[in-house]
């Protein structure tokens, strides 16, 4: 029996994290396309883009200027918090998998 036995059903899979990121990007994009958040400074805000707004929430390091220009309310604010938290977790997982800093056990 090889040392890789069981890896097909268990173990670390960074591509799953990337898949979750893409799925959450789609959910966030659709939700915010249906209900645009209010601009913080209406005369100074860039044009709203639901995809880049969702990317701004999901990706912890990249800044497209959308998150800081718009403020969701109600259920959409809770969604934005969920996207930020899961984005940190999933982006870190994908980055660790790419750089191979997370070892398989």
N, C-alpha and C. Protein backbone atom coordinates (compact mmCIF):
# COMPACT_ATOMS: atom_id res chain seq x y z
N UNK A 1 0.84 -1.17 0.00
CA UNK A 1 0.00 0.00 0.00
C UNK A 1 0.89 1.24 0.00
N UNK A 2 0.62 2.18 -0.89
CA UNK A 2 1.47 3.37 -1.00
C UNK A 2 1.13 4.39 0.08
N UNK A 3 2.05 5.33 0.27
CA UNK A 3 1.84 6.37 1.28
C UNK A 3 0.77 7.36 0.83
N UNK A 4 0.39 7.31 -0.45
CA UNK A 4 -0.64 8.20 -0.96
C UNK A 4 -2.04 7.61 -0.85
N UNK A 5 -2.15 6.44 -0.27
CA UNK A 5 -3.45 5.79 -0.14
C UNK A 5 -4.38 6.67 0.68
N UNK A 6 -5.57 6.84 0.18
CA UNK A 6 -6.56 7.64 0.89
C UNK A 6 -6.55 9.11 0.53
N UNK A 7 -5.53 9.57 -0.19
CA UNK A 7 -5.49 10.99 -0.55
C UNK A 7 -6.59 11.36 -1.52
N UNK A 8 -7.12 10.37 -2.23
CA UNK A 8 -8.18 10.70 -3.17
C UNK A 8 -9.48 11.05 -2.45
N UNK A 9 -9.63 10.60 -1.20
CA UNK A 9 -10.86 10.92 -0.50
C UNK A 9 -10.64 11.79 0.74
N UNK A 10 -9.39 11.97 1.16
CA UNK A 10 -9.09 12.79 2.33
C UNK A 10 -7.94 13.71 2.00
N UNK A 11 -7.71 14.68 2.86
CA UNK A 11 -6.53 15.53 2.70
C UNK A 11 -6.87 16.92 2.25
N UNK A 12 -5.85 17.70 2.07
CA UNK A 12 -5.95 19.10 1.73
C UNK A 12 -6.20 19.29 0.25
N UNK A 13 -7.17 20.11 -0.10
CA UNK A 13 -7.49 20.36 -1.50
C UNK A 13 -7.70 21.85 -1.73
N UNK A 14 -6.64 22.56 -2.12
CA UNK A 14 -6.78 24.01 -2.33
C UNK A 14 -7.73 24.36 -3.48
N UNK A 15 -7.91 23.46 -4.41
CA UNK A 15 -8.83 23.76 -5.52
C UNK A 15 -10.27 23.83 -5.04
N UNK A 16 -10.60 23.09 -3.99
CA UNK A 16 -11.94 23.21 -3.43
C UNK A 16 -12.14 24.60 -2.85
N UNK A 17 -11.13 25.12 -2.18
CA UNK A 17 -11.21 26.48 -1.63
C UNK A 17 -11.38 27.49 -2.77
N UNK A 18 -10.67 27.30 -3.87
CA UNK A 18 -10.81 28.19 -5.02
C UNK A 18 -12.21 28.09 -5.61
N UNK A 19 -12.76 26.89 -5.65
CA UNK A 19 -14.13 26.69 -6.12
C UNK A 19 -15.14 27.41 -5.24
N UNK A 20 -14.93 27.34 -3.92
CA UNK A 20 -15.80 28.05 -2.99
C UNK A 20 -15.67 29.56 -3.19
N UNK A 21 -14.46 30.05 -3.41
CA UNK A 21 -14.27 31.48 -3.66
C UNK A 21 -15.05 31.92 -4.90
N UNK A 22 -14.97 31.13 -5.96
CA UNK A 22 -15.69 31.47 -7.19
C UNK A 22 -17.20 31.43 -6.97
N UNK A 23 -17.66 30.43 -6.21
CA UNK A 23 -19.09 30.33 -5.91
C UNK A 23 -19.57 31.53 -5.10
N UNK A 24 -18.79 31.92 -4.10
CA UNK A 24 -19.16 33.07 -3.29
C UNK A 24 -19.09 34.36 -4.10
N UNK A 25 -18.15 34.44 -5.03
CA UNK A 25 -18.09 35.60 -5.92
C UNK A 25 -19.37 35.69 -6.75
N UNK A 26 -19.84 34.57 -7.25
CA UNK A 26 -21.08 34.57 -8.03
C UNK A 26 -22.28 34.98 -7.17
N UNK A 27 -22.37 34.43 -5.97
CA UNK A 27 -23.48 34.78 -5.06
C UNK A 27 -23.45 36.27 -4.72
N UNK A 28 -22.27 36.77 -4.33
CA UNK A 28 -22.14 38.17 -3.98
C UNK A 28 -22.43 39.08 -5.15
N UNK A 29 -21.93 38.72 -6.32
CA UNK A 29 -22.15 39.54 -7.52
C UNK A 29 -23.64 39.64 -7.85
N UNK A 30 -24.32 38.52 -7.78
CA UNK A 30 -25.76 38.52 -8.10
C UNK A 30 -26.54 39.31 -7.05
N UNK A 31 -26.24 39.06 -5.77
CA UNK A 31 -26.96 39.75 -4.70
C UNK A 31 -26.78 41.27 -4.80
N UNK A 32 -25.55 41.72 -5.00
CA UNK A 32 -25.30 43.15 -5.04
C UNK A 32 -25.70 43.78 -6.38
N UNK A 33 -25.80 42.97 -7.44
CA UNK A 33 -26.32 43.48 -8.71
C UNK A 33 -27.82 43.74 -8.60
N UNK A 34 -28.50 42.92 -7.80
CA UNK A 34 -29.93 43.09 -7.61
C UNK A 34 -30.27 44.23 -6.66
N UNK A 35 -29.35 44.51 -5.74
CA UNK A 35 -29.57 45.58 -4.75
C UNK A 35 -28.25 46.30 -4.51
N UNK A 36 -28.06 47.42 -5.21
CA UNK A 36 -26.81 48.18 -5.07
C UNK A 36 -26.74 48.82 -3.69
N UNK A 37 -25.57 48.72 -3.02
CA UNK A 37 -25.42 49.45 -1.76
C UNK A 37 -25.36 50.95 -2.02
N UNK A 38 -25.70 51.71 -1.00
CA UNK A 38 -25.69 53.18 -1.12
C UNK A 38 -24.26 53.70 -1.14
N UNK A 39 -24.00 54.70 -1.98
CA UNK A 39 -22.67 55.30 -1.97
C UNK A 39 -22.46 56.11 -0.70
N UNK A 40 -21.26 56.08 -0.16
CA UNK A 40 -20.94 56.86 1.04
C UNK A 40 -20.89 58.35 0.72
N UNK A 41 -20.30 58.69 -0.42
CA UNK A 41 -20.22 60.08 -0.89
C UNK A 41 -20.76 60.09 -2.33
N UNK A 42 -22.06 60.33 -2.49
CA UNK A 42 -22.69 60.19 -3.81
C UNK A 42 -22.00 60.93 -4.95
N UNK A 43 -21.46 62.10 -4.70
CA UNK A 43 -20.83 62.88 -5.78
C UNK A 43 -19.40 62.43 -6.07
N UNK A 44 -18.81 61.65 -5.17
CA UNK A 44 -17.41 61.26 -5.32
C UNK A 44 -17.22 59.76 -5.57
N UNK A 45 -18.28 58.99 -5.51
CA UNK A 45 -18.17 57.53 -5.65
C UNK A 45 -17.94 57.11 -7.09
N UNK A 46 -17.16 56.06 -7.30
CA UNK A 46 -17.01 55.52 -8.65
C UNK A 46 -18.32 54.83 -9.06
N UNK A 47 -18.43 54.51 -10.31
CA UNK A 47 -19.60 53.75 -10.76
C UNK A 47 -19.61 52.39 -10.06
N UNK A 48 -20.77 51.97 -9.59
CA UNK A 48 -20.86 50.70 -8.87
C UNK A 48 -20.74 49.54 -9.84
N UNK A 49 -19.94 48.54 -9.45
CA UNK A 49 -19.77 47.31 -10.22
C UNK A 49 -19.91 46.15 -9.24
N UNK A 50 -20.97 45.36 -9.38
CA UNK A 50 -21.27 44.29 -8.43
C UNK A 50 -20.17 43.24 -8.36
N UNK A 51 -19.55 42.89 -9.48
CA UNK A 51 -18.49 41.87 -9.48
C UNK A 51 -17.26 42.39 -8.73
N UNK A 52 -16.85 43.61 -9.02
CA UNK A 52 -15.67 44.15 -8.34
C UNK A 52 -15.96 44.47 -6.88
N UNK A 53 -17.21 44.79 -6.56
CA UNK A 53 -17.58 45.00 -5.16
C UNK A 53 -17.44 43.68 -4.40
N UNK A 54 -17.96 42.59 -4.97
CA UNK A 54 -17.84 41.27 -4.34
C UNK A 54 -16.38 40.84 -4.25
N UNK A 55 -15.59 41.12 -5.28
CA UNK A 55 -14.15 40.80 -5.24
C UNK A 55 -13.46 41.61 -4.14
N UNK A 56 -13.83 42.87 -4.00
CA UNK A 56 -13.27 43.72 -2.95
C UNK A 56 -13.55 43.14 -1.57
N UNK A 57 -14.73 42.57 -1.39
CA UNK A 57 -15.07 41.97 -0.11
C UNK A 57 -14.34 40.65 0.11
N UNK A 58 -14.24 39.84 -0.93
CA UNK A 58 -13.67 38.49 -0.80
C UNK A 58 -12.15 38.45 -0.72
N UNK A 59 -11.48 39.31 -1.46
CA UNK A 59 -10.02 39.25 -1.51
C UNK A 59 -9.43 40.25 -0.52
N UNK A 60 -8.74 39.75 0.49
CA UNK A 60 -8.29 40.62 1.58
C UNK A 60 -7.22 41.64 1.23
N UNK A 61 -6.45 41.43 0.21
CA UNK A 61 -5.32 42.32 -0.08
C UNK A 61 -5.63 43.28 -1.22
N UNK A 62 -6.35 42.83 -2.21
CA UNK A 62 -6.62 43.63 -3.41
C UNK A 62 -7.72 44.65 -3.11
N UNK A 63 -7.53 45.89 -3.58
CA UNK A 63 -8.50 46.95 -3.36
C UNK A 63 -8.90 47.57 -4.69
N UNK A 64 -10.16 47.38 -5.05
CA UNK A 64 -10.68 47.96 -6.29
C UNK A 64 -11.40 49.28 -6.04
N UNK A 65 -11.44 49.73 -4.78
CA UNK A 65 -12.07 50.99 -4.43
C UNK A 65 -13.58 50.94 -4.30
N UNK A 66 -14.16 49.77 -4.43
CA UNK A 66 -15.61 49.63 -4.34
C UNK A 66 -16.07 49.52 -2.88
N UNK A 67 -15.39 48.70 -2.09
CA UNK A 67 -15.80 48.45 -0.71
C UNK A 67 -15.79 49.75 0.11
N UNK A 68 -14.79 50.58 -0.10
CA UNK A 68 -14.68 51.81 0.67
C UNK A 68 -15.62 52.92 0.17
N UNK A 69 -16.22 52.74 -0.99
CA UNK A 69 -17.09 53.77 -1.56
C UNK A 69 -18.58 53.51 -1.33
N UNK A 70 -18.94 52.29 -0.95
CA UNK A 70 -20.35 51.93 -0.83
C UNK A 70 -20.61 51.27 0.52
N UNK A 71 -21.84 51.42 1.01
CA UNK A 71 -22.21 50.89 2.32
C UNK A 71 -23.52 50.11 2.22
N UNK A 72 -23.45 48.78 2.31
CA UNK A 72 -24.70 48.00 2.27
C UNK A 72 -25.46 48.14 3.59
N UNK A 73 -26.74 47.86 3.54
CA UNK A 73 -27.57 47.93 4.74
C UNK A 73 -28.39 46.64 4.88
N UNK A 74 -28.86 46.41 6.09
CA UNK A 74 -29.73 45.26 6.35
C UNK A 74 -29.06 43.93 6.08
N UNK A 75 -29.79 43.06 5.42
CA UNK A 75 -29.31 41.72 5.11
C UNK A 75 -28.04 41.78 4.26
N UNK A 76 -27.93 42.77 3.41
CA UNK A 76 -26.76 42.90 2.54
C UNK A 76 -25.49 43.24 3.33
N UNK A 77 -25.66 43.93 4.44
CA UNK A 77 -24.51 44.20 5.30
C UNK A 77 -24.02 42.89 5.94
N UNK A 78 -24.94 42.05 6.38
CA UNK A 78 -24.57 40.75 6.94
C UNK A 78 -23.89 39.89 5.87
N UNK A 79 -24.40 39.95 4.64
CA UNK A 79 -23.76 39.22 3.54
C UNK A 79 -22.34 39.72 3.31
N UNK A 80 -22.16 41.03 3.36
CA UNK A 80 -20.82 41.58 3.13
C UNK A 80 -19.85 41.11 4.22
N UNK A 81 -20.30 41.07 5.48
CA UNK A 81 -19.44 40.56 6.56
C UNK A 81 -19.09 39.09 6.35
N UNK A 82 -20.08 38.31 5.93
CA UNK A 82 -19.83 36.88 5.68
C UNK A 82 -18.83 36.70 4.54
N UNK A 83 -18.94 37.51 3.50
CA UNK A 83 -18.00 37.42 2.38
C UNK A 83 -16.59 37.81 2.81
N UNK A 84 -16.46 38.81 3.66
CA UNK A 84 -15.14 39.23 4.15
C UNK A 84 -14.50 38.11 4.96
N UNK A 85 -15.24 37.53 5.88
CA UNK A 85 -14.69 36.47 6.75
C UNK A 85 -14.32 35.24 5.94
N UNK A 86 -15.25 34.77 5.10
CA UNK A 86 -14.95 33.57 4.32
C UNK A 86 -13.87 33.85 3.28
N UNK A 87 -13.83 35.07 2.77
CA UNK A 87 -12.78 35.43 1.81
C UNK A 87 -11.40 35.33 2.43
N UNK A 88 -11.25 35.82 3.65
CA UNK A 88 -9.95 35.71 4.35
C UNK A 88 -9.55 34.25 4.50
N UNK A 89 -10.48 33.43 4.94
CA UNK A 89 -10.18 32.01 5.18
C UNK A 89 -9.83 31.30 3.88
N UNK A 90 -10.68 31.47 2.87
CA UNK A 90 -10.47 30.75 1.61
C UNK A 90 -9.28 31.27 0.83
N UNK A 91 -9.08 32.58 0.80
CA UNK A 91 -7.93 33.14 0.08
C UNK A 91 -6.62 32.70 0.73
N UNK A 92 -6.60 32.65 2.05
CA UNK A 92 -5.41 32.17 2.75
C UNK A 92 -5.15 30.71 2.43
N UNK A 93 -6.21 29.92 2.38
CA UNK A 93 -6.08 28.50 2.05
C UNK A 93 -5.54 28.30 0.64
N UNK A 94 -6.08 29.05 -0.31
CA UNK A 94 -5.61 28.94 -1.70
C UNK A 94 -4.16 29.38 -1.80
N UNK A 95 -3.82 30.51 -1.17
CA UNK A 95 -2.44 31.00 -1.22
C UNK A 95 -1.48 30.00 -0.59
N UNK A 96 -1.88 29.40 0.52
CA UNK A 96 -1.02 28.42 1.18
C UNK A 96 -0.85 27.19 0.30
N UNK A 97 -1.91 26.78 -0.37
CA UNK A 97 -1.81 25.63 -1.26
C UNK A 97 -0.91 25.90 -2.45
N UNK A 98 -1.00 27.12 -2.97
CA UNK A 98 -0.17 27.48 -4.12
C UNK A 98 1.31 27.51 -3.73
N UNK A 99 1.60 28.07 -2.59
CA UNK A 99 3.00 28.16 -2.15
C UNK A 99 3.48 26.90 -1.44
N UNK A 100 2.59 25.96 -1.28
CA UNK A 100 2.91 24.66 -0.65
C UNK A 100 3.42 24.80 0.78
N UNK A 101 2.90 25.79 1.51
CA UNK A 101 3.29 25.92 2.90
C UNK A 101 2.46 25.05 3.82
N UNK A 102 1.34 24.58 3.29
CA UNK A 102 0.52 23.66 4.08
C UNK A 102 0.85 22.25 3.65
N UNK A 103 1.31 21.45 4.55
CA UNK A 103 1.70 20.08 4.19
C UNK A 103 0.53 19.13 4.35
N UNK A 104 0.53 18.09 3.57
CA UNK A 104 -0.51 17.06 3.67
C UNK A 104 -0.15 16.12 4.79
N UNK A 105 -1.16 15.73 5.52
CA UNK A 105 -0.92 14.80 6.62
C UNK A 105 -1.74 13.54 6.42
